[in-house]
Amino acid sequence: MKRSAGTSKAETGQQAEQRRELRQAASGEVRFQFGAGMSNSGGEVLAILLDRSARGFRAQHSCSQLTCGQIVEFRLMAAKGIARVVWTRIQGDSVESGFLILP
């Protein structure tokens, strides 16, 4: 479909790729905690890893309390660390979030 001069990509349903790093499909579990005291909070969330890159990952979970900008502690396969929630999408009972791993 040819776009007219005044039509944007968003209006035609096309989205521009905004990722800076190549994502690779992945599987397995991710566990994370957030909030005051994190490790000591006892509130661990189990998630399913969907994909990952050198500096981030995407996971599906059931925790609708995550918001953009929150810091979480995570355990992913043999790795663990701190990550920032970049985005969260909620569709019914399913929640998906993108995480940026912090240095």
PDB file of N, CA and C in Angstrom:
ATOM      1  N   MET A   1       0.838  -1.177   0.000  1.00  0.00           N
ATOM      2  CA  MET A   1       0.000   0.000   0.000  1.00  0.00           C
ATOM      3  C   MET A   1       0.885   1.242   0.000  1.00  0.00           C
ATOM      4  N   LYS A   2       0.647   2.133  -0.913  1.00  0.00           N
ATOM      5  CA  LYS A   2       1.415   3.357  -1.015  1.00  0.00           C
ATOM      6  C   LYS A   2       0.842   4.405  -0.070  1.00  0.00           C
ATOM      7  N   ARG A   3       1.748   5.059   0.680  1.00  0.00           N
ATOM      8  CA  ARG A   3       1.305   6.109   1.601  1.00  0.00           C
ATOM      9  C   ARG A   3       1.235   7.437   0.874  1.00  0.00           C
ATOM     10  N   SER A   4       0.247   8.237   1.257  1.00  0.00           N
ATOM     11  CA  SER A   4       0.196   9.593   0.725  1.00  0.00           C
ATOM     12  C   SER A   4       1.228  10.433   1.464  1.00  0.00           C
ATOM     13  N   ALA A   5       1.569  11.558   0.945  1.00  0.00           N
ATOM     14  CA  ALA A   5       2.616  12.417   1.512  1.00  0.00           C
ATOM     15  C   ALA A   5       2.325  12.815   2.952  1.00  0.00           C
ATOM     16  N   GLY A   6       1.058  12.906   3.353  1.00  0.00           N
ATOM     17  CA  GLY A   6       0.729  13.356   4.697  1.00  0.00           C
ATOM     18  C   GLY A   6       0.438  12.231   5.688  1.00  0.00           C
ATOM     19  N   THR A   7       0.685  10.966   5.327  1.00  0.00           N
ATOM     20  CA  THR A   7       0.368   9.839   6.189  1.00  0.00           C
ATOM     21  C   THR A   7       1.624   9.327   6.879  1.00  0.00           C
ATOM     22  N   SER A   8       1.565   9.191   8.201  1.00  0.00           N
ATOM     23  CA  SER A   8       2.721   8.699   8.954  1.00  0.00           C
ATOM     24  C   SER A   8       2.706   7.182   9.033  1.00  0.00           C
ATOM     25  N   LYS A   9       3.850   6.588   9.454  1.00  0.00           N
ATOM     26  CA  LYS A   9       3.926   5.139   9.633  1.00  0.00           C
ATOM     27  C   LYS A   9       2.933   4.669  10.674  1.00  0.00           C
ATOM     28  N   ALA A  10       2.749   5.448  11.750  1.00  0.00           N
ATOM     29  CA  ALA A  10       1.820   5.061  12.807  1.00  0.00           C
ATOM     30  C   ALA A  10       0.396   4.975  12.274  1.00  0.00           C
ATOM     31  N   GLU A  11       0.037   5.868  11.366  1.00  0.00           N
ATOM     32  CA  GLU A  11      -1.322   5.871  10.815  1.00  0.00           C
ATOM     33  C   GLU A  11      -1.560   4.689   9.889  1.00  0.00           C
ATOM     34  N   THR A  12      -0.519   4.121   9.314  1.00  0.00           N
ATOM     35  CA  THR A  12      -0.677   2.978   8.419  1.00  0.00           C
ATOM     36  C   THR A  12      -0.502   1.661   9.160  1.00  0.00           C
ATOM     37  N   GLY A  13      -0.277   1.711  10.489  1.00  0.00           N
ATOM     38  CA  GLY A  13      -0.131   0.498  11.273  1.00  0.00           C
ATOM     39  C   GLY A  13       1.289  -0.042  11.315  1.00  0.00           C
ATOM     40  N   GLN A  14       2.248   0.631  10.706  1.00  0.00           N
ATOM     41  CA  GLN A  14       3.641   0.202  10.724  1.00  0.00           C
ATOM     42  C   GLN A  14       4.365   0.898  11.870  1.00  0.00           C
ATOM     43  N   GLN A  15       5.211   0.150  12.574  1.00  0.00           N
ATOM     44  CA  GLN A  15       5.991   0.711  13.664  1.00  0.00           C
ATOM     45  C   GLN A  15       7.472   0.681  13.286  1.00  0.00           C
ATOM     46  N   ALA A  16       8.176   1.747  13.567  1.00  0.00           N
ATOM     47  CA  ALA A  16       9.611   1.799  13.318  1.00  0.00           C
ATOM     48  C   ALA A  16      10.326   1.011  14.405  1.00  0.00           C
ATOM     49  N   GLU A  17      11.324   0.242  14.044  1.00  0.00           N
ATOM     50  CA  GLU A  17      12.118  -0.526  15.001  1.00  0.00           C
ATOM     51  C   GLU A  17      12.922   0.435  15.861  1.00  0.00           C
ATOM     52  N   GLN A  18      12.803   0.323  17.184  1.00  0.00           N
ATOM     53  CA  GLN A  18      13.496   1.225  18.091  1.00  0.00           C
ATOM     54  C   GLN A  18      14.580   0.524  18.900  1.00  0.00           C
ATOM     55  N   ARG A  19      14.734  -0.779  18.740  1.00  0.00           N
ATOM     56  CA  ARG A  19      15.739  -1.511  19.505  1.00  0.00           C
ATOM     57  C   ARG A  19      17.133  -1.143  19.033  1.00  0.00           C
ATOM     58  N   ARG A  20      18.035  -1.036  20.006  1.00  0.00           N
ATOM     59  CA  ARG A  20      19.426  -0.713  19.692  1.00  0.00           C
ATOM     60  C   ARG A  20      20.287  -1.959  19.596  1.00  0.00           C
ATOM     61  N   GLU A  21      19.797  -3.068  20.158  1.00  0.00           N
ATOM     62  CA  GLU A  21      20.550  -4.314  20.172  1.00  0.00           C
ATOM     63  C   GLU A  21      19.689  -5.438  19.608  1.00  0.00           C
ATOM     64  N   LEU A  22      20.334  -6.401  18.989  1.00  0.00           N
ATOM     65  CA  LEU A  22      19.654  -7.558  18.447  1.00  0.00           C
ATOM     66  C   LEU A  22      19.111  -8.412  19.591  1.00  0.00           C
ATOM     67  N   ARG A  23      17.853  -8.779  19.512  1.00  0.00           N
ATOM     68  CA  ARG A  23      17.240  -9.655  20.509  1.00  0.00           C
ATOM     69  C   ARG A  23      17.267 -11.076  19.977  1.00  0.00           C
ATOM     70  N   GLN A  24      17.498 -12.022  20.875  1.00  0.00           N
ATOM     71  CA  GLN A  24      17.506 -13.429  20.508  1.00  0.00           C
ATOM     72  C   GLN A  24      16.431 -14.139  21.305  1.00  0.00           C
ATOM     73  N   ALA A  25      15.696 -15.029  20.629  1.00  0.00           N
ATOM     74  CA  ALA A  25      14.677 -15.805  21.324  1.00  0.00           C
ATOM     75  C   ALA A  25      15.345 -16.574  22.457  1.00  0.00           C
ATOM     76  N   ALA A  26      14.650 -16.687  23.564  1.00  0.00           N
ATOM     77  CA  ALA A  26      15.186 -17.385  24.728  1.00  0.00           C
ATOM     78  C   ALA A  26      14.034 -18.056  25.458  1.00  0.00           C
ATOM     79  N   SER A  27      14.361 -18.972  26.327  1.00  0.00           N
ATOM     80  CA  SER A  27      13.343 -19.626  27.137  1.00  0.00           C
ATOM     81  C   SER A  27      13.926 -19.897  28.509  1.00  0.00           C
ATOM     82  N   GLY A  28      13.081 -20.271  29.423  1.00  0.00           N
ATOM     83  CA  GLY A  28      13.512 -20.539  30.785  1.00  0.00           C
ATOM     84  C   GLY A  28      12.799 -19.641  31.758  1.00  0.00           C
ATOM     85  N   GLU A  29      13.224 -19.711  33.009  1.00  0.00           N
ATOM     86  CA  GLU A  29      12.611 -18.933  34.066  1.00  0.00           C
ATOM     87  C   GLU A  29      13.447 -17.721  34.437  1.00  0.00           C
ATOM     88  N   VAL A  30      12.750 -16.688  34.842  1.00  0.00           N
ATOM     89  CA  VAL A  30      13.369 -15.506  35.440  1.00  0.00           C
ATOM     90  C   VAL A  30      12.640 -15.298  36.754  1.00  0.00           C
ATOM     91  N   ARG A  31      13.381 -15.006  37.795  1.00  0.00           N
ATOM     92  CA  ARG A  31      12.775 -14.684  39.088  1.00  0.00           C
ATOM     93  C   ARG A  31      13.208 -13.272  39.440  1.00  0.00           C
ATOM     94  N   PHE A  32      12.262 -12.467  39.906  1.00  0.00           N
ATOM     95  CA  PHE A  32      12.647 -11.120  40.308  1.00  0.00           C
ATOM     96  C   PHE A  32      11.878 -10.671  41.542  1.00  0.00           C
ATOM     97  N   GLN A  33      12.476  -9.685  42.214  1.00  0.00           N
ATOM     98  CA  GLN A  33      11.895  -9.061  43.393  1.00  0.00           C
ATOM     99  C   GLN A  33      12.011  -7.558  43.229  1.00  0.00           C
ATOM    100  N   PHE A  34      11.068  -6.838  43.819  1.00  0.00           N
ATOM    101  CA  PHE A  34      11.126  -5.380  43.749  1.00  0.00           C
ATOM    102  C   PHE A  34      10.514  -4.811  45.006  1.00  0.00           C
ATOM    103  N   GLY A  35      10.732  -3.543  45.229  1.00  0.00           N
ATOM    104  CA  GLY A  35      10.176  -2.872  46.398  1.00  0.00           C
ATOM    105  C   GLY A  35      11.200  -2.740  47.510  1.00  0.00           C
ATOM    106  N   ALA A  36      10.759  -2.210  48.615  1.00  0.00           N
ATOM    107  CA  ALA A  36      11.645  -1.943  49.752  1.00  0.00           C
ATOM    108  C   ALA A  36      12.328  -3.213  50.211  1.00  0.00           C
ATOM    109  N   GLY A  37      13.633  -3.163  50.318  1.00  0.00           N
ATOM    110  CA  GLY A  37      14.402  -4.293  50.818  1.00  0.00           C
ATOM    111  C   GLY A  37      14.638  -5.392  49.797  1.00  0.00           C
ATOM    112  N   MET A  38      14.020  -5.352  48.682  1.00  0.00           N
ATOM    113  CA  MET A  38      14.073  -6.339  47.610  1.00  0.00           C
ATOM    114  C   MET A  38      14.353  -7.761  48.086  1.00  0.00           C
ATOM    115  N   SER A  39      15.626  -8.132  48.278  1.00  0.00           N
ATOM    116  CA  SER A  39      15.962  -9.508  48.639  1.00  0.00           C
ATOM    117  C   SER A  39      15.269  -9.948  49.915  1.00  0.00           C
ATOM    118  N   ASN A  40      15.054  -9.023  50.804  1.00  0.00           N
ATOM    119  CA  ASN A  40      14.444  -9.359  52.087  1.00  0.00           C
ATOM    120  C   ASN A  40      12.923  -9.234  52.061  1.00  0.00           C
ATOM    121  N   SER A  41      12.364  -8.841  50.935  1.00  0.00           N
ATOM    122  CA  SER A  41      10.921  -8.603  50.889  1.00  0.00           C
ATOM    123  C   SER A  41      10.115  -9.900  50.863  1.00  0.00           C
ATOM    124  N   GLY A  42      10.721 -10.999  50.395  1.00  0.00           N
ATOM    125  CA  GLY A  42      10.012 -12.271  50.336  1.00  0.00           C
ATOM    126  C   GLY A  42       9.022 -12.352  49.194  1.00  0.00           C
ATOM    127  N   GLY A  43       8.834 -11.292  48.440  1.00  0.00           N
ATOM    128  CA  GLY A  43       7.876 -11.256  47.347  1.00  0.00           C
ATOM    129  C   GLY A  43       8.519 -11.575  46.011  1.00  0.00           C
ATOM    130  N   GLU A  44       8.857 -12.828  45.792  1.00  0.00           N
ATOM    131  CA  GLU A  44       9.515 -13.212  44.548  1.00  0.00           C
ATOM    132  C   GLU A  44       8.462 -13.461  43.462  1.00  0.00           C
ATOM    133  N   VAL A  45       8.743 -12.992  42.245  1.00  0.00           N
ATOM    134  CA  VAL A  45       7.855 -13.168  41.109  1.00  0.00           C
ATOM    135  C   VAL A  45       8.531 -14.120  40.134  1.00  0.00           C
ATOM    136  N   LEU A  46       7.802 -15.140  39.698  1.00  0.00           N
ATOM    137  CA  LEU A  46       8.307 -16.087  38.715  1.00  0.00           C
ATOM    138  C   LEU A  46       7.828 -15.646  37.334  1.00  0.00           C
ATOM    139  N   ALA A  47       8.739 -15.585  36.372  1.00  0.00           N
ATOM    140  CA  ALA A  47       8.400 -15.144  35.023  1.00  0.00           C
ATOM    141  C   ALA A  47       8.977 -16.110  33.993  1.00  0.00           C
ATOM    142  N   ILE A  48       8.473 -16.033  32.775  1.00  0.00           N
ATOM    143  CA  ILE A  48       8.967 -16.837  31.666  1.00  0.00           C
ATOM    144  C   ILE A  48       9.769 -15.933  30.746  1.00  0.00           C
ATOM    145  N   LEU A  49      11.003 -16.281  30.504  1.00  0.00           N
ATOM    146  CA  LEU A  49      11.875 -15.509  29.623  1.00  0.00           C
ATOM    147  C   LEU A  49      11.418 -15.677  28.180  1.00  0.00           C
ATOM    148  N   LEU A  50      11.236 -14.563  27.468  1.00  0.00           N
ATOM    149  CA  LEU A  50      10.793 -14.596  26.076  1.00  0.00           C
ATOM    150  C   LEU A  50      11.930 -14.328  25.104  1.00  0.00           C
ATOM    151  N   ASP A  51      12.751 -13.329  25.406  1.00  0.00           N
ATOM    152  CA  ASP A  51      13.935 -13.059  24.594  1.00  0.00           C
ATOM    153  C   ASP A  51      14.921 -12.250  25.411  1.00  0.00           C
ATOM    154  N   ARG A  52      16.148 -12.138  24.891  1.00  0.00           N
ATOM    155  CA  ARG A  52      17.160 -11.370  25.607  1.00  0.00           C
ATOM    156  C   ARG A  52      18.155 -10.774  24.624  1.00  0.00           C
ATOM    157  N   SER A  53      18.867  -9.764  25.103  1.00  0.00           N
ATOM    158  CA  SER A  53      19.933  -9.126  24.339  1.00  0.00           C
ATOM    159  C   SER A  53      21.118  -8.982  25.283  1.00  0.00           C
ATOM    160  N   ALA A  54      22.164  -8.327  24.828  1.00  0.00           N
ATOM    161  CA  ALA A  54      23.348  -8.149  25.665  1.00  0.00           C
ATOM    162  C   ALA A  54      23.038  -7.351  26.931  1.00  0.00           C
ATOM    163  N   ARG A  55      22.082  -6.413  26.843  1.00  0.00           N
ATOM    164  CA  ARG A  55      21.817  -5.545  27.995  1.00  0.00           C
ATOM    165  C   ARG A  55      20.381  -5.568  28.487  1.00  0.00           C
ATOM    166  N   GLY A  56      19.603  -6.559  28.086  1.00  0.00           N
ATOM    167  CA  GLY A  56      18.227  -6.585  28.543  1.00  0.00           C
ATOM    168  C   GLY A  56      17.531  -7.898  28.265  1.00  0.00           C
ATOM    169  N   PHE A  57      16.284  -7.976  28.702  1.00  0.00           N
ATOM    170  CA  PHE A  57      15.472  -9.159  28.440  1.00  0.00           C
ATOM    171  C   PHE A  57      13.996  -8.792  28.519  1.00  0.00           C
ATOM    172  N   ARG A  58      13.164  -9.676  27.974  1.00  0.00           N
ATOM    173  CA  ARG A  58      11.713  -9.506  27.991  1.00  0.00           C
ATOM    174  C   ARG A  58      11.126 -10.749  28.635  1.00  0.00           C
ATOM    175  N   ALA A  59      10.161 -10.570  29.531  1.00  0.00           N
ATOM    176  CA  ALA A  59       9.589 -11.698  30.248  1.00  0.00           C
ATOM    177  C   ALA A  59       8.079 -11.551  30.403  1.00  0.00           C
ATOM    178  N   GLN A  60       7.404 -12.690  30.468  1.00  0.00           N
ATOM    179  CA  GLN A  60       5.962 -12.738  30.699  1.00  0.00           C
ATOM    180  C   GLN A  60       5.737 -13.206  32.134  1.00  0.00           C
ATOM    181  N   HIS A  61       4.821 -12.555  32.833  1.00  0.00           N
ATOM    182  CA  HIS A  61       4.580 -12.870  34.241  1.00  0.00           C
ATOM    183  C   HIS A  61       3.158 -12.478  34.603  1.00  0.00           C
ATOM    184  N   SER A  62       2.819 -12.543  35.885  1.00  0.00           N
ATOM    185  CA  SER A  62       1.459 -12.198  36.310  1.00  0.00           C
ATOM    186  C   SER A  62       1.434 -11.034  37.304  1.00  0.00           C
ATOM    187  N   CYS A  63       2.520 -10.268  37.381  1.00  0.00           N
ATOM    188  CA  CYS A  63       2.631  -9.183  38.357  1.00  0.00           C
ATOM    189  C   CYS A  63       2.274  -7.839  37.705  1.00  0.00           C
ATOM    190  N   SER A  64       1.039  -7.431  37.849  1.00  0.00           N
ATOM    191  CA  SER A  64       0.592  -6.179  37.223  1.00  0.00           C
ATOM    192  C   SER A  64       1.050  -4.940  37.991  1.00  0.00           C
ATOM    193  N   GLN A  65       1.780  -5.115  39.091  1.00  0.00           N
ATOM    194  CA  GLN A  65       2.251  -3.986  39.899  1.00  0.00           C
ATOM    195  C   GLN A  65       3.518  -3.345  39.351  1.00  0.00           C
ATOM    196  N   LEU A  66       4.191  -3.989  38.399  1.00  0.00           N
ATOM    197  CA  LEU A  66       5.423  -3.409  37.850  1.00  0.00           C
ATOM    198  C   LEU A  66       5.110  -2.178  37.020  1.00  0.00           C
ATOM    199  N   THR A  67       5.880  -1.127  37.217  1.00  0.00           N
ATOM    200  CA  THR A  67       5.699   0.085  36.426  1.00  0.00           C
ATOM    201  C   THR A  67       7.030   0.513  35.820  1.00  0.00           C
ATOM    202  N   CYS A  68       6.948   1.270  34.783  1.00  0.00           N
ATOM    203  CA  CYS A  68       8.127   1.776  34.092  1.00  0.00           C
ATOM    204  C   CYS A  68       9.016   2.542  35.077  1.00  0.00           C
ATOM    205  N   GLY A  69      10.303   2.240  35.059  1.00  0.00           N
ATOM    206  CA  GLY A  69      11.258   2.925  35.915  1.00  0.00           C
ATOM    207  C   GLY A  69      11.590   2.179  37.193  1.00  0.00           C
ATOM    208  N   GLN A  70      10.783   1.193  37.575  1.00  0.00           N
ATOM    209  CA  GLN A  70      11.061   0.435  38.801  1.00  0.00           C
ATOM    210  C   GLN A  70      12.356  -0.356  38.660  1.00  0.00           C
ATOM    211  N   ILE A  71      13.033  -0.536  39.774  1.00  0.00           N
ATOM    212  CA  ILE A  71      14.258  -1.331  39.822  1.00  0.00           C
ATOM    213  C   ILE A  71      13.908  -2.690  40.431  1.00  0.00           C
ATOM    214  N   VAL A  72      14.419  -3.757  39.816  1.00  0.00           N
ATOM    215  CA  VAL A  72      14.191  -5.112  40.320  1.00  0.00           C
ATOM    216  C   VAL A  72      15.526  -5.830  40.471  1.00  0.00           C
ATOM    217  N   GLU A  73      15.564  -6.786  41.373  1.00  0.00           N
ATOM    218  CA  GLU A  73      16.661  -7.740  41.440  1.00  0.00           C
ATOM    219  C   GLU A  73      16.189  -8.951  40.657  1.00  0.00           C
ATOM    220  N   PHE A  74      17.057  -9.530  39.816  1.00  0.00           N
ATOM    221  CA  PHE A  74      16.632 -10.671  39.018  1.00  0.00           C
ATOM    222  C   PHE A  74      17.638 -11.814  39.092  1.00  0.00           C
ATOM    223  N   ARG A  75      17.132 -13.014  38.845  1.00  0.00           N
ATOM    224  CA  ARG A  75      17.955 -14.207  38.662  1.00  0.00           C
ATOM    225  C   ARG A  75      17.507 -14.837  37.360  1.00  0.00           C
ATOM    226  N   LEU A  76      18.428 -14.966  36.437  1.00  0.00           N
ATOM    227  CA  LEU A  76      18.141 -15.437  35.090  1.00  0.00           C
ATOM    228  C   LEU A  76      19.189 -16.479  34.736  1.00  0.00           C
ATOM    229  N   MET A  77      18.787 -17.740  34.678  1.00  0.00           N
ATOM    230  CA  MET A  77      19.724 -18.835  34.440  1.00  0.00           C
ATOM    231  C   MET A  77      20.891 -18.717  35.418  1.00  0.00           C
ATOM    232  N   ALA A  78      22.111 -18.571  34.913  1.00  0.00           N
ATOM    233  CA  ALA A  78      23.277 -18.473  35.801  1.00  0.00           C
ATOM    234  C   ALA A  78      23.593 -17.030  36.189  1.00  0.00           C
ATOM    235  N   ALA A  79      22.854 -16.078  35.645  1.00  0.00           N
ATOM    236  CA  ALA A  79      23.143 -14.662  35.905  1.00  0.00           C
ATOM    237  C   ALA A  79      22.186 -14.093  36.943  1.00  0.00           C
ATOM    238  N   LYS A  80      22.657 -13.085  37.649  1.00  0.00           N
ATOM    239  CA  LYS A  80      21.786 -12.333  38.544  1.00  0.00           C
ATOM    240  C   LYS A  80      22.259 -10.898  38.557  1.00  0.00           C
ATOM    241  N   GLY A  81      21.374 -10.002  38.932  1.00  0.00           N
ATOM    242  CA  GLY A  81      21.743  -8.596  38.954  1.00  0.00           C
ATOM    243  C   GLY A  81      20.556  -7.695  39.211  1.00  0.00           C
ATOM    244  N   ILE A  82      20.722  -6.453  38.780  1.00  0.00           N
ATOM    245  CA  ILE A  82      19.718  -5.410  38.948  1.00  0.00           C
ATOM    246  C   ILE A  82      19.282  -4.950  37.552  1.00  0.00           C
ATOM    247  N   ALA A  83      17.985  -4.706  37.390  1.00  0.00           N
ATOM    248  CA  ALA A  83      17.469  -4.228  36.105  1.00  0.00           C
ATOM    249  C   ALA A  83      16.392  -3.180  36.347  1.00  0.00           C
ATOM    250  N   ARG A  84      16.188  -2.350  35.341  1.00  0.00           N
ATOM    251  CA  ARG A  84      15.135  -1.332  35.370  1.00  0.00           C
ATOM    252  C   ARG A  84      14.016  -1.779  34.432  1.00  0.00           C
ATOM    253  N   VAL A  85      12.781  -1.638  34.872  1.00  0.00           N
ATOM    254  CA  VAL A  85      11.631  -1.933  34.022  1.00  0.00           C
ATOM    255  C   VAL A  85      11.518  -0.803  32.998  1.00  0.00           C
ATOM    256  N   VAL A  86      11.575  -1.155  31.719  1.00  0.00           N
ATOM    257  CA  VAL A  86      11.513  -0.157  30.654  1.00  0.00           C
ATOM    258  C   VAL A  86      10.073   0.039  30.194  1.00  0.00           C
ATOM    259  N   TRP A  87       9.325  -1.045  30.148  1.00  0.00           N
ATOM    260  CA  TRP A  87       7.916  -0.966  29.770  1.00  0.00           C
ATOM    261  C   TRP A  87       7.183  -2.182  30.318  1.00  0.00           C
ATOM    262  N   THR A  88       5.873  -2.050  30.488  1.00  0.00           N
ATOM    263  CA  THR A  88       5.008  -3.153  30.902  1.00  0.00           C
ATOM    264  C   THR A  88       3.720  -3.065  30.105  1.00  0.00           C
ATOM    265  N   ARG A  89       3.301  -4.224  29.595  1.00  0.00           N
ATOM    266  CA  ARG A  89       2.054  -4.306  28.821  1.00  0.00           C
ATOM    267  C   ARG A  89       1.154  -5.337  29.511  1.00  0.00           C
ATOM    268  N   ILE A  90      -0.076  -4.965  29.804  1.00  0.00           N
ATOM    269  CA  ILE A  90      -1.023  -5.853  30.467  1.00  0.00           C
ATOM    270  C   ILE A  90      -2.148  -6.177  29.500  1.00  0.00           C
ATOM    271  N   GLN A  91      -2.361  -7.496  29.293  1.00  0.00           N
ATOM    272  CA  GLN A  91      -3.455  -7.959  28.443  1.00  0.00           C
ATOM    273  C   GLN A  91      -4.187  -9.058  29.199  1.00  0.00           C
ATOM    274  N   GLY A  92      -5.299  -8.713  29.818  1.00  0.00           N
ATOM    275  CA  GLY A  92      -6.042  -9.675  30.631  1.00  0.00           C
ATOM    276  C   GLY A  92      -5.218 -10.086  31.841  1.00  0.00           C
ATOM    277  N   ASP A  93      -5.019 -11.391  32.013  1.00  0.00           N
ATOM    278  CA  ASP A  93      -4.226 -11.906  33.130  1.00  0.00           C
ATOM    279  C   ASP A  93      -2.737 -11.977  32.797  1.00  0.00           C
ATOM    280  N   SER A  94      -2.379 -11.728  31.563  1.00  0.00           N
ATOM    281  CA  SER A  94      -0.992 -11.822  31.123  1.00  0.00           C
ATOM    282  C   SER A  94      -0.301 -10.463  31.189  1.00  0.00           C
ATOM    283  N   VAL A  95       0.891 -10.442  31.759  1.00  0.00           N
ATOM    284  CA  VAL A  95       1.686  -9.219  31.852  1.00  0.00           C
ATOM    285  C   VAL A  95       3.029  -9.499  31.199  1.00  0.00           C
ATOM    286  N   GLU A  96       3.506  -8.569  30.407  1.00  0.00           N
ATOM    287  CA  GLU A  96       4.799  -8.690  29.739  1.00  0.00           C
ATOM    288  C   GLU A  96       5.587  -7.421  30.030  1.00  0.00           C
ATOM    289  N   SER A  97       6.875  -7.582  30.349  1.00  0.00           N
ATOM    290  CA  SER A  97       7.705  -6.426  30.649  1.00  0.00           C
ATOM    291  C   SER A  97       9.050  -6.539  29.958  1.00  0.00           C
ATOM    292  N   GLY A  98       9.615  -5.378  29.631  1.00  0.00           N
ATOM    293  CA  GLY A  98      10.965  -5.307  29.098  1.00  0.00           C
ATOM    294  C   GLY A  98      11.884  -4.735  30.170  1.00  0.00           C
ATOM    295  N   PHE A  99      13.068  -5.318  30.324  1.00  0.00           N
ATOM    296  CA  PHE A  99      13.996  -4.930  31.374  1.00  0.00           C
ATOM    297  C   PHE A  99      15.343  -4.534  30.778  1.00  0.00           C
ATOM    298  N   LEU A 100      15.947  -3.491  31.323  1.00  0.00           N
ATOM    299  CA  LEU A 100      17.294  -3.064  30.970  1.00  0.00           C
ATOM    300  C   LEU A 100      18.200  -3.456  32.127  1.00  0.00           C
ATOM    301  N   ILE A 101      19.218  -4.278  31.852  1.00  0.00           N
ATOM    302  CA  ILE A 101      20.137  -4.705  32.898  1.00  0.00           C
ATOM    303  C   ILE A 101      21.070  -3.550  33.221  1.00  0.00           C
ATOM    304  N   LEU A 102      21.176  -3.221  34.509  1.00  0.00           N
ATOM    305  CA  LEU A 102      22.012  -2.102  34.964  1.00  0.00           C
ATOM    306  C   LEU A 102      23.408  -2.592  35.320  1.00  0.00           C
ATOM    307  N   PRO A 103      24.423  -1.731  35.094  1.00  0.00           N
ATOM    308  CA  PRO A 103      25.797  -2.143  35.420  1.00  0.00           C
ATOM    309  C   PRO A 103      26.023  -2.265  36.914  1.00  0.00           C
TER     310      PRO A 103
END
